[in-house]
Amino acid sequence: MEILWNPTEMFPGRNVTVFYRFEEQNWKQCIQYIHEHGYNIGCVFQPEGREFDISIRDTNGVQELYTDLKLESIKFLKPKPPVNVTFHWKHDKVIIEYKPPFSPHCYILEHQYKSEFDEDWSRKNESCKFERQGFDPEKCYSFQFRLRFRCSGYSYPSEWGPKTHWKNGSSVESCEADDFNPESNIVLQATWVMAGLLIMTAILLYVCRLKKIRKTLMPAIPDPQNKYSDLFSDHNGNFQDWIIKTENVLPETQVECIEKECVVEEEKEEDLPQAKVEAKCSGVKKLEV
């Protein structure tokens, strides 16, 4: 158990030593002190009975600065966390019991519990033996306990004891959601989201790269339907009909006639009766442009 005091209020500017005894035994000096800012503020010792006396003295252990007997001394008490808390389960009901080392009527057993699906603790103050019901046997519940001394307004509650876990009336090592940490859960979700975004980005880059490689290796073939749309839309694929109708697409042929000069030759007068006039005219010649 522990006893604590406020050095600045009770013993300002000086250190102290503690002596204690149980059941009118000889005085024992504290060998395990609690320190704060260089001063002794408490003592830890093992209980050896139900009633004890305290004597607080100077550092030499000679001058007595404070003495308290029997239950009045417990106003300095800070109990140890409770151990050996017993559970008795029956369906949805549990009976919890704790036996203090002394003065059981002066102790309050504070407890808190939660199921594996709860984030917050439910806290209650009870006597050292109480009964609670409404538990789901299929759920796992975690319990914690601490002690508070109610016979004095100056006592300190103990620290919370270790967690105990129960499911279906039996003690188990842990509950799945017992150590649930919202911050770590948020970090885990953010990690998964970032990983998903990275994977999607990698897939998009791979697809774009694949399209570029495919376009380089296998260039697109022009669609004849677009170039010769009238072959299919106007002629229903009849190539002979289409080729006839499209002959005028070729450059037109131009015909040019070149007329050469006619040359008249006169013969001598003596041959006039038989003179003949020969005219030579060039024919028509087609020129293709």
Protein backbone atom coordinates (compact mmCIF):
# COMPACT_ATOMS: atom_id res chain seq x y z
CA MET A 1 0.00 0.00 0.00
CA GLU A 2 0.99 3.64 -0.32
CA ILE A 3 0.59 6.65 1.90
CA LEU A 4 0.98 10.14 0.41
CA TRP A 5 1.16 13.65 1.82
CA ASN A 6 1.54 17.18 0.50
CA PRO A 7 5.01 18.40 1.61
CA THR A 8 4.43 22.07 0.71
CA GLU A 9 1.38 22.29 3.00
CA MET A 10 2.33 19.98 5.85
CA PHE A 11 6.15 20.25 5.95
CA PRO A 12 7.23 23.26 3.87
CA GLY A 13 10.91 23.46 3.05
CA ARG A 14 11.99 20.26 4.76
CA ASN A 15 12.26 16.56 4.12
CA VAL A 16 10.78 13.90 6.39
CA THR A 17 11.02 10.23 7.24
CA VAL A 18 8.13 7.87 7.94
CA PHE A 19 7.66 5.18 10.59
CA TYR A 20 4.69 2.80 10.72
CA ARG A 21 3.43 -0.17 12.72
CA PHE A 22 0.57 -2.67 12.55
CA GLU A 23 -1.45 -4.01 15.48
CA GLU A 24 0.71 -2.45 18.21
CA GLN A 25 3.89 -4.00 16.82
CA ASN A 26 7.28 -2.31 16.86
CA TRP A 27 7.82 0.75 14.70
CA LYS A 28 9.36 0.20 11.26
CA GLN A 29 11.01 2.84 9.15
CA CYS A 30 9.91 3.21 5.53
CA ILE A 31 12.52 1.94 3.10
CA GLN A 32 10.72 2.75 -0.18
CA TYR A 33 9.84 6.42 -0.61
CA ILE A 34 8.04 8.25 -3.37
CA HIS A 35 9.94 11.38 -4.44
CA GLU A 36 8.91 14.61 -6.13
CA HIS A 37 11.14 17.67 -6.69
CA GLY A 38 13.71 16.30 -4.24
CA TYR A 39 11.23 15.74 -1.39
CA ASN A 40 9.67 12.60 0.04
CA ILE A 41 5.94 12.71 -0.65
CA GLY A 42 4.94 9.13 0.10
CA CYS A 43 5.87 5.69 1.36
CA VAL A 44 5.21 2.21 -0.02
CA PHE A 45 4.98 -0.77 2.33
CA GLN A 46 3.29 -4.15 2.67
CA PRO A 47 0.19 -4.38 4.88
CA GLU A 48 0.60 -6.62 7.91
CA GLY A 49 -2.76 -6.15 9.57
CA ARG A 50 -6.06 -4.29 9.49
CA GLU A 51 -5.03 -1.26 11.57
CA PHE A 52 -1.80 0.71 11.53
CA ASP A 53 -0.20 3.81 13.02
CA ILE A 54 1.93 6.43 11.26
CA SER A 55 4.67 8.65 12.66
CA ILE A 56 6.24 11.31 10.41
CA ARG A 57 9.57 12.64 11.71
CA ASP A 58 12.52 14.75 10.62
CA THR A 59 15.33 13.35 8.47
CA ASN A 60 17.18 12.09 11.54
CA GLY A 61 14.12 10.21 12.75
CA VAL A 62 14.20 11.94 16.14
CA GLN A 63 11.80 14.89 16.09
CA GLU A 64 8.21 13.83 15.54
CA LEU A 65 6.38 16.20 13.21
CA TYR A 66 3.12 14.33 12.88
CA THR A 67 1.56 11.23 14.42
CA ASP A 68 -1.70 9.53 13.69
CA LEU A 69 -3.17 6.39 15.12
CA LYS A 70 -5.57 3.76 13.90
CA LEU A 71 -8.05 4.73 11.18
CA GLU A 72 -7.16 8.41 11.28
CA SER A 73 -3.88 7.53 9.62
CA ILE A 74 -5.71 6.26 6.59
CA LYS A 75 -6.40 9.80 5.44
CA PHE A 76 -2.92 9.61 3.89
CA LEU A 77 -3.61 6.27 2.29
CA LYS A 78 -3.29 5.64 -1.43
CA PRO A 79 -4.22 2.00 -1.92
CA LYS A 80 -2.57 -0.33 -4.35
CA PRO A 81 -4.62 -1.36 -7.40
CA PRO A 82 -6.92 -4.20 -6.38
CA VAL A 83 -5.83 -7.75 -7.11
CA ASN A 84 -7.68 -11.05 -6.89
CA VAL A 85 -11.00 -9.56 -7.94
CA THR A 86 -13.41 -12.47 -8.39
CA PHE A 87 -16.11 -12.84 -11.06
CA HIS A 88 -19.17 -15.08 -10.83
CA TRP A 89 -21.07 -15.22 -14.13
CA LYS A 90 -24.58 -16.52 -14.66
CA HIS A 91 -26.06 -15.90 -18.11
CA ASP A 92 -26.15 -12.09 -18.54
CA LYS A 93 -25.39 -11.37 -14.87
CA VAL A 94 -22.07 -11.09 -13.05
CA ILE A 95 -21.24 -10.78 -9.34
CA ILE A 96 -17.92 -9.00 -8.68
CA GLU A 97 -16.24 -9.17 -5.28
CA TYR A 98 -13.03 -7.84 -3.75
CA LYS A 99 -11.72 -8.30 -0.20
CA PRO A 100 -9.61 -5.33 1.02
CA PRO A 101 -6.69 -5.99 3.37
CA PHE A 102 -8.43 -4.09 6.20
CA SER A 103 -11.52 -1.98 6.99
CA PRO A 104 -13.63 -3.27 4.06
CA HIS A 105 -16.50 -0.90 4.88
CA CYS A 106 -14.21 2.08 4.10
CA TYR A 107 -13.38 1.06 0.54
CA ILE A 108 -15.11 1.77 -2.73
CA LEU A 109 -14.33 -0.42 -5.70
CA GLU A 110 -14.41 1.75 -8.81
CA HIS A 111 -14.68 -0.16 -12.06
CA GLN A 112 -14.98 0.57 -15.74
CA TYR A 113 -15.86 -1.78 -18.55
CA LYS A 114 -16.57 -1.85 -22.27
CA SER A 115 -17.35 -4.43 -24.92
CA GLU A 116 -15.25 -5.16 -27.98
CA PHE A 117 -17.54 -2.89 -30.01
CA ASP A 118 -17.36 0.12 -27.65
CA GLU A 119 -14.82 2.92 -27.84
CA ASP A 120 -15.57 4.56 -24.47
CA TRP A 121 -15.54 3.06 -20.99
CA SER A 122 -18.63 2.83 -18.77
CA ARG A 123 -17.56 3.76 -15.23
CA LYS A 124 -19.29 2.93 -11.93
CA ASN A 125 -18.53 3.28 -8.21
CA GLU A 126 -19.64 0.34 -6.11
CA SER A 127 -18.94 -1.36 -2.82
CA CYS A 128 -16.45 -4.20 -2.71
CA LYS A 129 -19.20 -6.65 -3.71
CA PHE A 130 -21.84 -5.83 -6.28
CA GLU A 131 -23.93 -7.36 -9.01
CA ARG A 132 -24.52 -6.19 -12.55
CA GLN A 133 -26.59 -7.63 -15.37
CA GLY A 134 -27.44 -6.96 -19.00
CA PHE A 135 -24.24 -8.38 -20.49
CA ASP A 136 -24.33 -10.18 -23.81
CA PRO A 137 -22.65 -13.60 -23.36
CA GLU A 138 -21.52 -13.58 -27.00
CA LYS A 139 -19.58 -10.33 -26.59
CA CYS A 140 -16.15 -9.90 -25.08
CA TYR A 141 -15.91 -7.40 -22.20
CA SER A 142 -12.87 -5.71 -20.68
CA PHE A 143 -12.82 -4.65 -17.00
CA GLN A 144 -10.55 -2.41 -14.93
CA PHE A 145 -10.66 -1.68 -11.20
CA ARG A 146 -9.22 0.75 -8.69
CA LEU A 147 -9.74 1.40 -4.98
CA ARG A 148 -10.81 4.54 -3.16
CA PHE A 149 -10.92 5.00 0.62
CA ARG A 150 -14.13 6.74 1.65
CA CYS A 151 -13.62 7.03 5.41
CA SER A 152 -11.51 10.15 4.90
CA GLY A 153 -11.91 13.08 2.56
CA TYR A 154 -8.14 13.32 2.01
CA SER A 155 -7.41 9.87 0.61
CA TYR A 156 -6.13 9.20 -2.90
CA PRO A 157 -7.58 6.65 -5.34
CA SER A 158 -5.30 3.88 -6.46
CA GLU A 159 -4.06 3.54 -9.98
CA TRP A 160 -6.16 1.53 -12.39
CA GLY A 161 -5.32 -2.15 -12.26
CA PRO A 162 -4.58 -4.31 -15.31
CA LYS A 163 -7.38 -5.11 -17.72
CA THR A 164 -9.19 -8.41 -17.48
CA HIS A 165 -11.19 -9.82 -20.38
CA TRP A 166 -14.29 -11.99 -20.20
CA LYS A 167 -16.47 -13.68 -22.79
CA ASN A 168 -19.35 -16.11 -22.28
CA GLY A 169 -18.51 -16.40 -18.59
CA SER A 170 -14.85 -17.32 -19.14
CA SER A 171 -11.63 -15.36 -18.86
CA VAL A 172 -9.86 -14.75 -22.19
CA GLU A 173 -6.51 -13.23 -23.05
CA SER A 174 -7.84 -10.22 -24.94
CA CYS A 175 -10.76 -8.78 -26.87
CA GLU A 176 -10.37 -8.04 -30.57
CA ALA A 177 -11.42 -4.39 -30.25
CA ASP A 178 -10.02 -3.90 -26.75
CA ASP A 179 -6.94 -2.02 -27.94
CA PHE A 180 -8.79 -0.08 -30.61
CA ASN A 181 -6.94 3.10 -31.46
CA PRO A 182 -8.87 5.60 -33.65
CA GLU A 183 -5.68 7.44 -34.68
CA SER A 184 -3.94 4.32 -35.93
CA ASN A 185 -7.14 3.29 -37.70
CA ILE A 186 -7.23 6.63 -39.56
CA VAL A 187 -3.58 6.24 -40.53
CA LEU A 188 -4.28 2.73 -41.82
CA GLN A 189 -7.22 3.94 -43.92
CA ALA A 190 -5.17 6.82 -45.34
CA THR A 191 -2.40 4.37 -46.23
CA TRP A 192 -4.81 2.13 -48.11
CA VAL A 193 -6.28 5.12 -49.99
CA MET A 194 -2.83 6.35 -51.04
CA ALA A 195 -1.84 2.84 -52.13
CA GLY A 196 -5.00 2.60 -54.24
CA LEU A 197 -4.30 5.95 -55.91
CA LEU A 198 -0.73 4.91 -56.71
CA ILE A 199 -1.93 1.65 -58.25
CA MET A 200 -4.54 3.45 -60.38
CA THR A 201 -1.93 5.97 -61.56
CA ALA A 202 0.46 3.17 -62.50
CA ILE A 203 -2.29 1.40 -64.47
CA LEU A 204 -3.18 4.58 -66.39
CA LEU A 205 0.46 5.23 -67.26
CA TYR A 206 0.84 1.64 -68.42
CA VAL A 207 -2.27 1.87 -70.64
CA CYS A 208 -1.11 5.14 -72.22
CA ARG A 209 2.34 3.71 -72.83
CA LEU A 210 0.83 0.56 -74.34
CA LYS A 211 -1.32 2.60 -76.74
CA LYS A 212 1.69 4.61 -77.86
CA ILE A 213 3.73 1.45 -78.54
CA ARG A 214 0.84 -0.15 -80.40
CA LYS A 215 0.38 2.94 -82.55
CA THR A 216 4.09 2.89 -83.44
CA LEU A 217 4.20 -0.80 -84.33
CA MET A 218 0.77 -1.01 -85.97
CA PRO A 219 -0.19 2.28 -87.63
CA ALA A 220 -3.83 2.86 -88.34
CA ILE A 221 -5.16 1.65 -91.74
CA PRO A 222 -7.38 4.22 -93.48
CA ASP A 223 -10.97 3.21 -93.84
CA PRO A 224 -11.96 3.01 -97.53
CA GLN A 225 -15.55 3.62 -96.59
CA ASN A 226 -14.64 7.19 -95.66
CA LYS A 227 -12.66 7.82 -98.85
CA TYR A 228 -15.17 6.18 -101.16
CA SER A 229 -18.29 6.87 -99.21
CA ASP A 230 -20.41 7.35 -102.33
CA LEU A 231 -19.50 3.83 -103.49
CA PHE A 232 -21.46 2.46 -100.55
CA SER A 233 -24.01 5.19 -99.96
CA ASP A 234 -25.03 5.98 -103.57
CA HIS A 235 -24.19 2.76 -105.42
CA ASN A 236 -24.65 0.13 -102.71
CA GLY A 237 -21.16 -1.21 -103.37
CA ASN A 238 -21.65 -1.64 -107.15
CA PHE A 239 -18.12 -0.92 -108.31
CA GLN A 240 -18.87 -0.96 -112.07
CA ASP A 241 -21.65 1.55 -111.73
CA TRP A 242 -19.53 3.69 -109.45
CA ILE A 243 -16.46 3.70 -111.77
CA ILE A 244 -18.59 4.77 -114.74
CA LYS A 245 -20.12 7.62 -112.84
CA THR A 246 -16.76 8.75 -111.56
CA GLU A 247 -14.92 8.86 -114.93
CA ASN A 248 -15.61 12.56 -115.15
CA VAL A 249 -13.40 12.97 -112.16
CA LEU A 250 -10.40 12.52 -114.50
CA PRO A 251 -9.06 15.64 -116.28
CA GLU A 252 -11.16 16.58 -119.35
CA THR A 253 -9.67 16.12 -122.85
CA GLN A 254 -9.42 19.27 -124.92
CA VAL A 255 -9.36 19.11 -128.73
CA GLU A 256 -7.52 21.79 -130.64
CA CYS A 257 -7.65 22.10 -134.41
CA ILE A 258 -4.64 23.59 -136.09
CA GLU A 259 -5.25 24.82 -139.62
CA LYS A 260 -2.24 24.99 -141.82
CA GLU A 261 -1.84 27.55 -144.61
CA CYS A 262 -2.86 26.40 -148.03
CA VAL A 263 -0.13 26.88 -150.66
CA VAL A 264 -1.16 27.50 -154.28
CA GLU A 265 1.44 26.75 -156.89
CA GLU A 266 1.09 28.21 -160.40
CA GLU A 267 2.46 26.38 -163.33
CA LYS A 268 3.77 27.93 -166.37
CA GLU A 269 1.35 29.52 -168.76
CA GLU A 270 1.85 26.86 -171.32
CA ASP A 271 0.72 24.33 -168.93
CA LEU A 272 -2.16 26.44 -167.71
CA PRO A 273 -4.95 24.36 -169.12
CA GLN A 274 -3.57 21.51 -167.29
CA ALA A 275 -2.62 23.53 -164.35
CA LYS A 276 -3.76 22.21 -161.22
CA VAL A 277 -4.03 23.85 -158.00
CA GLU A 278 -3.01 21.69 -155.17
CA ALA A 279 -4.09 22.58 -151.90
CA LYS A 280 -2.76 20.95 -148.93
CA CYS A 281 -4.68 21.19 -145.72
CA SER A 282 -3.63 19.66 -142.60
CA GLY A 283 -5.94 17.26 -140.91
CA VAL A 284 -7.29 17.46 -137.43
CA LYS A 285 -4.98 16.49 -134.70
CA LYS A 286 -6.09 15.79 -131.18
CA LEU A 287 -4.05 17.16 -128.46
CA GLU A 288 -4.51 15.86 -125.00
CA VAL A 289 -4.01 18.13 -122.17
